[in-house]
Amino acid sequence: MKRVLLHIAFWIVYLLQDVVLIFLLDISRVQHFTVTKGIITAVENCLVLVLPKLLFTYLMLYVIIDKMLKEGNLVKSGILYSLLALTGTLLLYRAISIYFIYPVIYGWSTNVPPYFNLLGFLVGLMDIGFASGAAIVIKQIRLQLAAKEKEKNLTREKLETELKFLRNQTNPHFLFNTLNNIYALARKKSDDTPEVVMKLSKLLRFMLYETKKPSINIGDEIKMLDDYIELERIRYNGRLTINFLREIDNEMEQISPLVLLPFVENAFKHGASESRFESYIHIDMKLQKSLLNFNIENTKENNDNNGLTENIGLTNVRRQLELIYSDYDIKVQNETSVFKIALTINLLSHAKI
């Protein structure tokens, strides 16, 4: 229905400009025409001559061009069919002009130009060419825009699928590490085990429901980080010092879920869990006018300068940031005994998805 309305609108606009053009020509060349008579004659003229234009236009749009597009390399035959169609349309155009428009609409019985008149055929060619050319160009533009939109949608779907895959990788990775913590507490028969299980249940509920959303309040993300930190704190007791400073000007600011967790998880897994002595994790988060600065630093004893920067969690979160935000920066410092990450995100920037 939309397509039909677009076609009707096109021909109405075309006929309006054609009527104005014919009216101006008739007023200048037919002295006895009044304005009313000129308008009526122009409308009748245009309505009759639009028939061969309609015939040629839709023959080109839905027969010749469609056949060329669907069947591939048919340029020569397409040109031949187009010339044949144009020739037939011009002959029909001239016949309508000579045998109907001049004698019936204008009432001319004399001074009617001959049928095979070069100027008449050139005028007909221009008239038919303008109408059909405009229609064909508009259709091709619409087809190109539709193709680009389809390609854009396919790209978006592909990137959304990749993002879901990355998040689904992060969740089991986090769950695996947390279950290891619970296992260690269970072996010690720690009284903290039930509390850890309860906190894990809350985190899993968050991941089950909140991560399906494209974005959440940063206040909810911070609460989830607090729960995770408390869960880990139970395991390390006094051996680990944790500081989580935050300065947030708007807790309703939107952020992609779980984009910060891998950094915190990395600090525990490759810092405190591999340290035999007292260690620390310092987290400093600032949000001002939608600009998020997230800095995390942890002690470590592993002096491998490559292992920490290329683990699954950090690799995945790098790719997630690339997919979600267009304005971000991440810097990693892997020093001898300290590992630092400095992340900056403009939360109002959105990348490909």
Foldseek 3Di string as FASTA:
>chain_A
DVVVVVVVVLVVVVLVVQLVVQLVVCVVPPPVDDSVLSSVLSNVVSVQLVVLLVVLLCCLVPPLVVCCVVVDPPVPVSVVVNVVSLVVSLLVNLCCVQVPSCCPSVVDPPPRDDSPDPVSSVVVCVVSCVSSVVVVVVVVVVVVVVVVVVVLVVVVVVLVVLLVVLLVVVVVVVVVVLVVLLVVCVVVVHPCNVVLVVLVVVLVVCSVPVLVDQKFFQLVQVVSVVSVVVSVCVSCPQLEAEEAAEAEPGRRQIDRHPLCVLVVVLQVVQAVVQDPGRKYKYWYWYADPQKIKIKIKIWHQDQPQPVSCDDSSNVSSVVSCQQFFPDKDWDWDRDNTMTMIIIIGRSVGGPSD
